[in-house]
Amino acid sequence: MSLDNGGPFGKIEKRVGSTPRERGSVDNGTCPDIFLLNDGRYAVIGTDATAELEGQLPSDAGRASHERIVVISRETLLHAKRDIPDL
């Protein structure tokens, strides 16, 4: 899949939620984050927990070889919620 808007993953349009510094990060650099892509999808920076969590997925969930399970803090998601529209 190739998009005319920045390659297969589009381009980062904006951060969703508060900056890491606003959430209390001291160095504002290595913290979970969520971004809206210009094609409407979201990109997430989190801790790769695939090895630890894959065996705990419910039977109706699956992960492709190119996908990872990432963990973000509850605070990161709650701060992003205000910028995510309802259905």
PDB file of N, CA and C in Angstrom:
ATOM      1  N   MET A   1       0.843  -1.175   0.000  1.00  0.00           N
ATOM      2  CA  MET A   1       0.000   0.000   0.000  1.00  0.00           C
ATOM      3  C   MET A   1       0.883   1.232   0.000  1.00  0.00           C
ATOM      4  N   SER A   2       0.699   2.093  -0.964  1.00  0.00           N
ATOM      5  CA  SER A   2       1.479   3.318  -1.026  1.00  0.00           C
ATOM      6  C   SER A   2       0.523   4.489  -1.161  1.00  0.00           C
ATOM      7  N   LEU A   3       0.718   5.470  -0.352  1.00  0.00           N
ATOM      8  CA  LEU A   3      -0.143   6.643  -0.372  1.00  0.00           C
ATOM      9  C   LEU A   3       0.619   7.817  -0.963  1.00  0.00           C
ATOM     10  N   ASP A   4      -0.094   8.692  -1.656  1.00  0.00           N
ATOM     11  CA  ASP A   4       0.534   9.889  -2.210  1.00  0.00           C
ATOM     12  C   ASP A   4       0.844  10.909  -1.128  1.00  0.00           C
ATOM     13  N   ASN A   5       0.457  10.654   0.084  1.00  0.00           N
ATOM     14  CA  ASN A   5       0.589  11.646   1.146  1.00  0.00           C
ATOM     15  C   ASN A   5       1.705  11.318   2.130  1.00  0.00           C
ATOM     16  N   GLY A   6       2.818  10.788   1.647  1.00  0.00           N
ATOM     17  CA  GLY A   6       3.955  10.592   2.539  1.00  0.00           C
ATOM     18  C   GLY A   6       4.426   9.167   2.658  1.00  0.00           C
ATOM     19  N   GLY A   7       4.059   8.299   1.754  1.00  0.00           N
ATOM     20  CA  GLY A   7       4.500   6.917   1.833  1.00  0.00           C
ATOM     21  C   GLY A   7       3.435   6.026   2.416  1.00  0.00           C
ATOM     22  N   PRO A   8       3.802   4.795   2.763  1.00  0.00           N
ATOM     23  CA  PRO A   8       2.806   3.818   3.200  1.00  0.00           C
ATOM     24  C   PRO A   8       2.119   4.166   4.520  1.00  0.00           C
ATOM     25  N   PHE A   9       2.713   5.059   5.294  1.00  0.00           N
ATOM     26  CA  PHE A   9       2.112   5.410   6.581  1.00  0.00           C
ATOM     27  C   PHE A   9       1.649   6.846   6.643  1.00  0.00           C
ATOM     28  N   GLY A  10       1.652   7.561   5.545  1.00  0.00           N
ATOM     29  CA  GLY A  10       1.235   8.945   5.558  1.00  0.00           C
ATOM     30  C   GLY A  10       2.244   9.818   6.284  1.00  0.00           C
ATOM     31  N   LYS A  11       1.773  10.959   6.747  1.00  0.00           N
ATOM     32  CA  LYS A  11       2.619  11.897   7.484  1.00  0.00           C
ATOM     33  C   LYS A  11       1.944  12.255   8.797  1.00  0.00           C
ATOM     34  N   ILE A  12       2.763  12.559   9.787  1.00  0.00           N
ATOM     35  CA  ILE A  12       2.213  12.998  11.066  1.00  0.00           C
ATOM     36  C   ILE A  12       1.599  14.380  10.880  1.00  0.00           C
ATOM     37  N   GLU A  13       0.329  14.475  11.213  1.00  0.00           N
ATOM     38  CA  GLU A  13      -0.388  15.738  11.089  1.00  0.00           C
ATOM     39  C   GLU A  13      -0.319  16.540  12.380  1.00  0.00           C
ATOM     40  N   LYS A  14      -0.573  15.841  13.515  1.00  0.00           N
ATOM     41  CA  LYS A  14      -0.531  16.544  14.795  1.00  0.00           C
ATOM     42  C   LYS A  14      -0.476  15.555  15.944  1.00  0.00           C
ATOM     43  N   ARG A  15      -0.022  16.026  17.083  1.00  0.00           N
ATOM     44  CA  ARG A  15      -0.053  15.241  18.319  1.00  0.00           C
ATOM     45  C   ARG A  15      -1.504  15.186  18.799  1.00  0.00           C
ATOM     46  N   VAL A  16      -1.863  14.072  19.384  1.00  0.00           N
ATOM     47  CA  VAL A  16      -3.189  13.913  19.972  1.00  0.00           C
ATOM     48  C   VAL A  16      -2.993  13.900  21.481  1.00  0.00           C
ATOM     49  N   GLY A  17      -3.551  14.880  22.153  1.00  0.00           N
ATOM     50  CA  GLY A  17      -3.400  14.971  23.604  1.00  0.00           C
ATOM     51  C   GLY A  17      -2.279  15.910  23.995  1.00  0.00           C
ATOM     52  N   SER A  18      -1.853  15.781  25.219  1.00  0.00           N
ATOM     53  CA  SER A  18      -0.842  16.657  25.802  1.00  0.00           C
ATOM     54  C   SER A  18       0.561  16.213  25.416  1.00  0.00           C
ATOM     55  N   THR A  19       1.493  17.159  25.445  1.00  0.00           N
ATOM     56  CA  THR A  19       2.894  16.827  25.214  1.00  0.00           C
ATOM     57  C   THR A  19       3.421  16.029  26.405  1.00  0.00           C
ATOM     58  N   PRO A  20       4.501  15.289  26.210  1.00  0.00           N
ATOM     59  CA  PRO A  20       5.091  14.579  27.347  1.00  0.00           C
ATOM     60  C   PRO A  20       5.417  15.532  28.509  1.00  0.00           C
ATOM     61  N   ARG A  21       5.930  16.711  28.208  1.00  0.00           N
ATOM     62  CA  ARG A  21       6.243  17.672  29.272  1.00  0.00           C
ATOM     63  C   ARG A  21       4.992  18.070  30.053  1.00  0.00           C
ATOM     64  N   GLU A  22       3.886  18.280  29.345  1.00  0.00           N
ATOM     65  CA  GLU A  22       2.625  18.625  30.012  1.00  0.00           C
ATOM     66  C   GLU A  22       2.120  17.485  30.895  1.00  0.00           C
ATOM     67  N   ARG A  23       2.523  16.257  30.562  1.00  0.00           N
ATOM     68  CA  ARG A  23       2.132  15.098  31.366  1.00  0.00           C
ATOM     69  C   ARG A  23       3.150  14.787  32.442  1.00  0.00           C
ATOM     70  N   GLY A  24       4.195  15.629  32.595  1.00  0.00           N
ATOM     71  CA  GLY A  24       5.127  15.463  33.692  1.00  0.00           C
ATOM     72  C   GLY A  24       6.482  14.885  33.345  1.00  0.00           C
ATOM     73  N   SER A  25       6.774  14.699  32.052  1.00  0.00           N
ATOM     74  CA  SER A  25       8.082  14.180  31.665  1.00  0.00           C
ATOM     75  C   SER A  25       9.157  15.209  31.970  1.00  0.00           C
ATOM     76  N   VAL A  26      10.240  14.760  32.562  1.00  0.00           N
ATOM     77  CA  VAL A  26      11.338  15.662  32.906  1.00  0.00           C
ATOM     78  C   VAL A  26      12.154  16.029  31.672  1.00  0.00           C
ATOM     79  N   ASP A  27      12.445  15.024  30.810  1.00  0.00           N
ATOM     80  CA  ASP A  27      13.303  15.308  29.657  1.00  0.00           C
ATOM     81  C   ASP A  27      12.530  15.523  28.359  1.00  0.00           C
ATOM     82  N   ASN A  28      11.198  15.327  28.381  1.00  0.00           N
ATOM     83  CA  ASN A  28      10.328  15.593  27.236  1.00  0.00           C
ATOM     84  C   ASN A  28      10.756  14.829  25.983  1.00  0.00           C
ATOM     85  N   GLY A  29      11.388  13.686  26.142  1.00  0.00           N
ATOM     86  CA  GLY A  29      11.879  13.014  24.953  1.00  0.00           C
ATOM     87  C   GLY A  29      11.470  11.577  24.802  1.00  0.00           C
ATOM     88  N   THR A  30      11.534  10.787  25.835  1.00  0.00           N
ATOM     89  CA  THR A  30      11.300   9.350  25.684  1.00  0.00           C
ATOM     90  C   THR A  30      10.058   8.926  26.451  1.00  0.00           C
ATOM     91  N   CYS A  31       8.928   9.400  25.999  1.00  0.00           N
ATOM     92  CA  CYS A  31       7.661   9.101  26.663  1.00  0.00           C
ATOM     93  C   CYS A  31       6.650   8.621  25.631  1.00  0.00           C
ATOM     94  N   PRO A  32       5.638   7.872  26.080  1.00  0.00           N
ATOM     95  CA  PRO A  32       4.577   7.471  25.163  1.00  0.00           C
ATOM     96  C   PRO A  32       3.938   8.697  24.518  1.00  0.00           C
ATOM     97  N   ASP A  33       3.469   8.536  23.295  1.00  0.00           N
ATOM     98  CA  ASP A  33       2.852   9.643  22.582  1.00  0.00           C
ATOM     99  C   ASP A  33       1.907   9.080  21.536  1.00  0.00           C
ATOM    100  N   ILE A  34       0.934   9.880  21.130  1.00  0.00           N
ATOM    101  CA  ILE A  34      -0.035   9.484  20.111  1.00  0.00           C
ATOM    102  C   ILE A  34      -0.123  10.608  19.087  1.00  0.00           C
ATOM    103  N   PHE A  35      -0.112  10.219  17.800  1.00  0.00           N
ATOM    104  CA  PHE A  35      -0.153  11.200  16.721  1.00  0.00           C
ATOM    105  C   PHE A  35      -1.227  10.829  15.706  1.00  0.00           C
ATOM    106  N   LEU A  36      -1.904  11.838  15.158  1.00  0.00           N
ATOM    107  CA  LEU A  36      -2.859  11.655  14.074  1.00  0.00           C
ATOM    108  C   LEU A  36      -2.087  11.746  12.769  1.00  0.00           C
ATOM    109  N   LEU A  37      -2.289  10.764  11.885  1.00  0.00           N
ATOM    110  CA  LEU A  37      -1.680  10.801  10.565  1.00  0.00           C
ATOM    111  C   LEU A  37      -2.636  11.480   9.587  1.00  0.00           C
ATOM    112  N   ASN A  38      -2.086  12.007   8.500  1.00  0.00           N
ATOM    113  CA  ASN A  38      -2.918  12.762   7.566  1.00  0.00           C
ATOM    114  C   ASN A  38      -3.914  11.894   6.803  1.00  0.00           C
ATOM    115  N   ASP A  39      -3.840  10.578   6.943  1.00  0.00           N
ATOM    116  CA  ASP A  39      -4.834   9.707   6.311  1.00  0.00           C
ATOM    117  C   ASP A  39      -5.905   9.246   7.301  1.00  0.00           C
ATOM    118  N   GLY A  40      -5.869   9.792   8.530  1.00  0.00           N
ATOM    119  CA  GLY A  40      -6.885   9.474   9.531  1.00  0.00           C
ATOM    120  C   GLY A  40      -6.498   8.376  10.501  1.00  0.00           C
ATOM    121  N   ARG A  41      -5.402   7.665  10.243  1.00  0.00           N
ATOM    122  CA  ARG A  41      -4.946   6.645  11.179  1.00  0.00           C
ATOM    123  C   ARG A  41      -4.140   7.300  12.296  1.00  0.00           C
ATOM    124  N   TYR A  42      -3.800   6.512  13.318  1.00  0.00           N
ATOM    125  CA  TYR A  42      -3.031   7.002  14.455  1.00  0.00           C
ATOM    126  C   TYR A  42      -1.719   6.241  14.559  1.00  0.00           C
ATOM    127  N   ALA A  43      -0.683   6.943  14.975  1.00  0.00           N
ATOM    128  CA  ALA A  43       0.612   6.324  15.266  1.00  0.00           C
ATOM    129  C   ALA A  43       0.851   6.467  16.761  1.00  0.00           C
ATOM    130  N   VAL A  44       1.378   5.407  17.376  1.00  0.00           N
ATOM    131  CA  VAL A  44       1.565   5.380  18.822  1.00  0.00           C
ATOM    132  C   VAL A  44       3.025   5.057  19.143  1.00  0.00           C
ATOM    133  N   ILE A  45       3.615   5.850  20.024  1.00  0.00           N
ATOM    134  CA  ILE A  45       4.924   5.534  20.581  1.00  0.00           C
ATOM    135  C   ILE A  45       4.664   4.918  21.942  1.00  0.00           C
ATOM    136  N   GLY A  46       5.115   3.702  22.123  1.00  0.00           N
ATOM    137  CA  GLY A  46       4.920   3.015  23.389  1.00  0.00           C
ATOM    138  C   GLY A  46       6.000   1.971  23.581  1.00  0.00           C
ATOM    139  N   THR A  47       5.923   1.272  24.670  1.00  0.00           N
ATOM    140  CA  THR A  47       6.878   0.219  24.979  1.00  0.00           C
ATOM    141  C   THR A  47       6.439  -1.074  24.295  1.00  0.00           C
ATOM    142  N   ASP A  48       7.319  -1.675  23.521  1.00  0.00           N
ATOM    143  CA  ASP A  48       7.002  -2.926  22.843  1.00  0.00           C
ATOM    144  C   ASP A  48       6.846  -4.038  23.882  1.00  0.00           C
ATOM    145  N   ALA A  49       5.640  -4.561  23.982  1.00  0.00           N
ATOM    146  CA  ALA A  49       5.352  -5.626  24.943  1.00  0.00           C
ATOM    147  C   ALA A  49       4.821  -6.867  24.236  1.00  0.00           C
ATOM    148  N   THR A  50       5.145  -6.990  22.961  1.00  0.00           N
ATOM    149  CA  THR A  50       4.635  -8.105  22.165  1.00  0.00           C
ATOM    150  C   THR A  50       4.972  -9.456  22.785  1.00  0.00           C
ATOM    151  N   ALA A  51       6.221  -9.658  23.127  1.00  0.00           N
ATOM    152  CA  ALA A  51       6.646 -10.955  23.669  1.00  0.00           C
ATOM    153  C   ALA A  51       5.913 -11.287  24.967  1.00  0.00           C
ATOM    154  N   GLU A  52       5.693 -10.281  25.785  1.00  0.00           N
ATOM    155  CA  GLU A  52       5.070 -10.512  27.084  1.00  0.00           C
ATOM    156  C   GLU A  52       3.550 -10.678  27.010  1.00  0.00           C
ATOM    157  N   LEU A  53       2.899 -10.026  26.044  1.00  0.00           N
ATOM    158  CA  LEU A  53       1.433  -9.993  26.034  1.00  0.00           C
ATOM    159  C   LEU A  53       0.769 -10.841  24.949  1.00  0.00           C
ATOM    160  N   GLU A  54       1.509 -11.235  23.937  1.00  0.00           N
ATOM    161  CA  GLU A  54       0.885 -11.952  22.825  1.00  0.00           C
ATOM    162  C   GLU A  54       0.157 -13.215  23.275  1.00  0.00           C
ATOM    163  N   GLY A  55       0.718 -13.955  24.193  1.00  0.00           N
ATOM    164  CA  GLY A  55       0.084 -15.168  24.684  1.00  0.00           C
ATOM    165  C   GLY A  55      -1.163 -14.922  25.512  1.00  0.00           C
ATOM    166  N   GLN A  56      -1.395 -13.673  25.900  1.00  0.00           N
ATOM    167  CA  GLN A  56      -2.564 -13.332  26.700  1.00  0.00           C
ATOM    168  C   GLN A  56      -3.709 -12.757  25.868  1.00  0.00           C
ATOM    169  N   LEU A  57      -3.495 -12.611  24.557  1.00  0.00           N
ATOM    170  CA  LEU A  57      -4.552 -12.059  23.714  1.00  0.00           C
ATOM    171  C   LEU A  57      -5.778 -12.967  23.734  1.00  0.00           C
ATOM    172  N   PRO A  58      -6.969 -12.392  23.698  1.00  0.00           N
ATOM    173  CA  PRO A  58      -8.179 -13.219  23.624  1.00  0.00           C
ATOM    174  C   PRO A  58      -8.184 -14.015  22.320  1.00  0.00           C
ATOM    175  N   SER A  59      -8.951 -15.070  22.275  1.00  0.00           N
ATOM    176  CA  SER A  59      -8.964 -15.960  21.109  1.00  0.00           C
ATOM    177  C   SER A  59      -9.436 -15.268  19.835  1.00  0.00           C
ATOM    178  N   ASP A  60     -10.193 -14.190  19.961  1.00  0.00           N
ATOM    179  CA  ASP A  60     -10.681 -13.487  18.771  1.00  0.00           C
ATOM    180  C   ASP A  60      -9.788 -12.310  18.376  1.00  0.00           C
ATOM    181  N   ALA A  61      -8.578 -12.231  18.938  1.00  0.00           N
ATOM    182  CA  ALA A  61      -7.612 -11.186  18.586  1.00  0.00           C
ATOM    183  C   ALA A  61      -6.392 -11.842  17.957  1.00  0.00           C
ATOM    184  N   GLY A  62      -5.797 -11.141  17.038  1.00  0.00           N
ATOM    185  CA  GLY A  62      -4.604 -11.672  16.400  1.00  0.00           C
ATOM    186  C   GLY A  62      -3.642 -10.554  16.040  1.00  0.00           C
ATOM    187  N   ARG A  63      -2.404 -10.930  15.751  1.00  0.00           N
ATOM    188  CA  ARG A  63      -1.372  -9.955  15.420  1.00  0.00           C
ATOM    189  C   ARG A  63      -0.615 -10.462  14.202  1.00  0.00           C
ATOM    190  N   ALA A  64      -0.511  -9.626  13.186  1.00  0.00           N
ATOM    191  CA  ALA A  64       0.271  -9.985  12.006  1.00  0.00           C
ATOM    192  C   ALA A  64       1.753  -9.868  12.342  1.00  0.00           C
ATOM    193  N   SER A  65       2.594 -10.495  11.548  1.00  0.00           N
ATOM    194  CA  SER A  65       4.034 -10.493  11.833  1.00  0.00           C
ATOM    195  C   SER A  65       4.636  -9.096  11.807  1.00  0.00           C
ATOM    196  N   HIS A  66       4.017  -8.171  11.099  1.00  0.00           N
ATOM    197  CA  HIS A  66       4.532  -6.804  11.039  1.00  0.00           C
ATOM    198  C   HIS A  66       3.933  -5.893  12.128  1.00  0.00           C
ATOM    199  N   GLU A  67       3.056  -6.425  12.953  1.00  0.00           N
ATOM    200  CA  GLU A  67       2.419  -5.637  14.010  1.00  0.00           C
ATOM    201  C   GLU A  67       3.071  -5.918  15.363  1.00  0.00           C
ATOM    202  N   ARG A  68       3.021  -4.922  16.235  1.00  0.00           N
ATOM    203  CA  ARG A  68       3.552  -5.033  17.591  1.00  0.00           C
ATOM    204  C   ARG A  68       2.470  -4.626  18.585  1.00  0.00           C
ATOM    205  N   ILE A  69       2.512  -5.207  19.756  1.00  0.00           N
ATOM    206  CA  ILE A  69       1.658  -4.791  20.865  1.00  0.00           C
ATOM    207  C   ILE A  69       2.470  -3.782  21.662  1.00  0.00           C
ATOM    208  N   VAL A  70       1.965  -2.570  21.762  1.00  0.00           N
ATOM    209  CA  VAL A  70       2.681  -1.545  22.518  1.00  0.00           C
ATOM    210  C   VAL A  70       1.849  -1.110  23.712  1.00  0.00           C
ATOM    211  N   VAL A  71       2.541  -0.724  24.759  1.00  0.00           N
ATOM    212  CA  VAL A  71       1.896  -0.282  25.989  1.00  0.00           C
ATOM    213  C   VAL A  71       2.132   1.210  26.151  1.00  0.00           C
ATOM    214  N   ILE A  72       1.060   1.928  26.468  1.00  0.00           N
ATOM    215  CA  ILE A  72       1.161   3.342  26.816  1.00  0.00           C
ATOM    216  C   ILE A  72       0.495   3.526  28.165  1.00  0.00           C
ATOM    217  N   SER A  73       0.822   4.592  28.828  1.00  0.00           N
ATOM    218  CA  SER A  73       0.216   4.836  30.137  1.00  0.00           C
ATOM    219  C   SER A  73      -1.251   5.226  29.985  1.00  0.00           C
ATOM    220  N   ARG A  74      -2.019   4.955  31.002  1.00  0.00           N
ATOM    221  CA  ARG A  74      -3.422   5.356  31.031  1.00  0.00           C
ATOM    222  C   ARG A  74      -3.520   6.869  30.884  1.00  0.00           C
ATOM    223  N   GLU A  75      -2.623   7.576  31.534  1.00  0.00           N
ATOM    224  CA  GLU A  75      -2.603   9.042  31.474  1.00  0.00           C
ATOM    225  C   GLU A  75      -2.441   9.535  30.038  1.00  0.00           C
ATOM    226  N   THR A  76      -1.565   8.887  29.270  1.00  0.00           N
ATOM    227  CA  THR A  76      -1.360   9.290  27.877  1.00  0.00           C
ATOM    228  C   THR A  76      -2.652   9.159  27.088  1.00  0.00           C
ATOM    229  N   LEU A  77      -3.347   8.046  27.250  1.00  0.00           N
ATOM    230  CA  LEU A  77      -4.593   7.832  26.518  1.00  0.00           C
ATOM    231  C   LEU A  77      -5.688   8.791  26.970  1.00  0.00           C
ATOM    232  N   LEU A  78      -5.802   9.015  28.265  1.00  0.00           N
ATOM    233  CA  LEU A  78      -6.834   9.930  28.762  1.00  0.00           C
ATOM    234  C   LEU A  78      -6.598  11.363  28.279  1.00  0.00           C
ATOM    235  N   HIS A  79      -5.342  11.790  28.213  1.00  0.00           N
ATOM    236  CA  HIS A  79      -5.043  13.123  27.693  1.00  0.00           C
ATOM    237  C   HIS A  79      -5.359  13.211  26.200  1.00  0.00           C
ATOM    238  N   ALA A  80      -5.222  12.103  25.484  1.00  0.00           N
ATOM    239  CA  ALA A  80      -5.511  12.091  24.047  1.00  0.00           C
ATOM    240  C   ALA A  80      -7.013  12.062  23.771  1.00  0.00           C
ATOM    241  N   LYS A  81      -7.768  11.543  24.696  1.00  0.00           N
ATOM    242  CA  LYS A  81      -9.209  11.355  24.494  1.00  0.00           C
ATOM    243  C   LYS A  81      -9.911  12.631  24.056  1.00  0.00           C
ATOM    244  N   ARG A  82      -9.513  13.750  24.598  1.00  0.00           N
ATOM    245  CA  ARG A  82     -10.185  15.020  24.261  1.00  0.00           C
ATOM    246  C   ARG A  82     -10.020  15.390  22.786  1.00  0.00           C
ATOM    247  N   ASP A  83      -8.980  14.856  22.147  1.00  0.00           N
ATOM    248  CA  ASP A  83      -8.717  15.176  20.739  1.00  0.00           C
ATOM    249  C   ASP A  83      -9.211  14.099  19.774  1.00  0.00           C
ATOM    250  N   ILE A  84      -9.818  13.034  20.287  1.00  0.00           N
ATOM    251  CA  ILE A  84     -10.317  11.954  19.448  1.00  0.00           C
ATOM    252  C   ILE A  84     -11.834  12.090  19.350  1.00  0.00           C
ATOM    253  N   PRO A  85     -12.340  12.265  18.143  1.00  0.00           N
ATOM    254  CA  PRO A  85     -13.787  12.478  18.002  1.00  0.00           C
ATOM    255  C   PRO A  85     -14.591  11.213  18.331  1.00  0.00           C
ATOM    256  N   ASP A  86     -15.809  11.420  18.791  1.00  0.00           N
ATOM    257  CA  ASP A  86     -16.735  10.315  19.000  1.00  0.00           C
ATOM    258  C   ASP A  86     -17.198   9.784  17.648  1.00  0.00           C
ATOM    259  N   LEU A  87     -17.696   8.563  17.626  1.00  0.00           N
ATOM    260  CA  LEU A  87     -18.213   7.987  16.378  1.00  0.00           C
ATOM    261  C   LEU A  87     -19.443   8.716  15.910  1.00  0.00           C
TER     262      LEU A  87
END
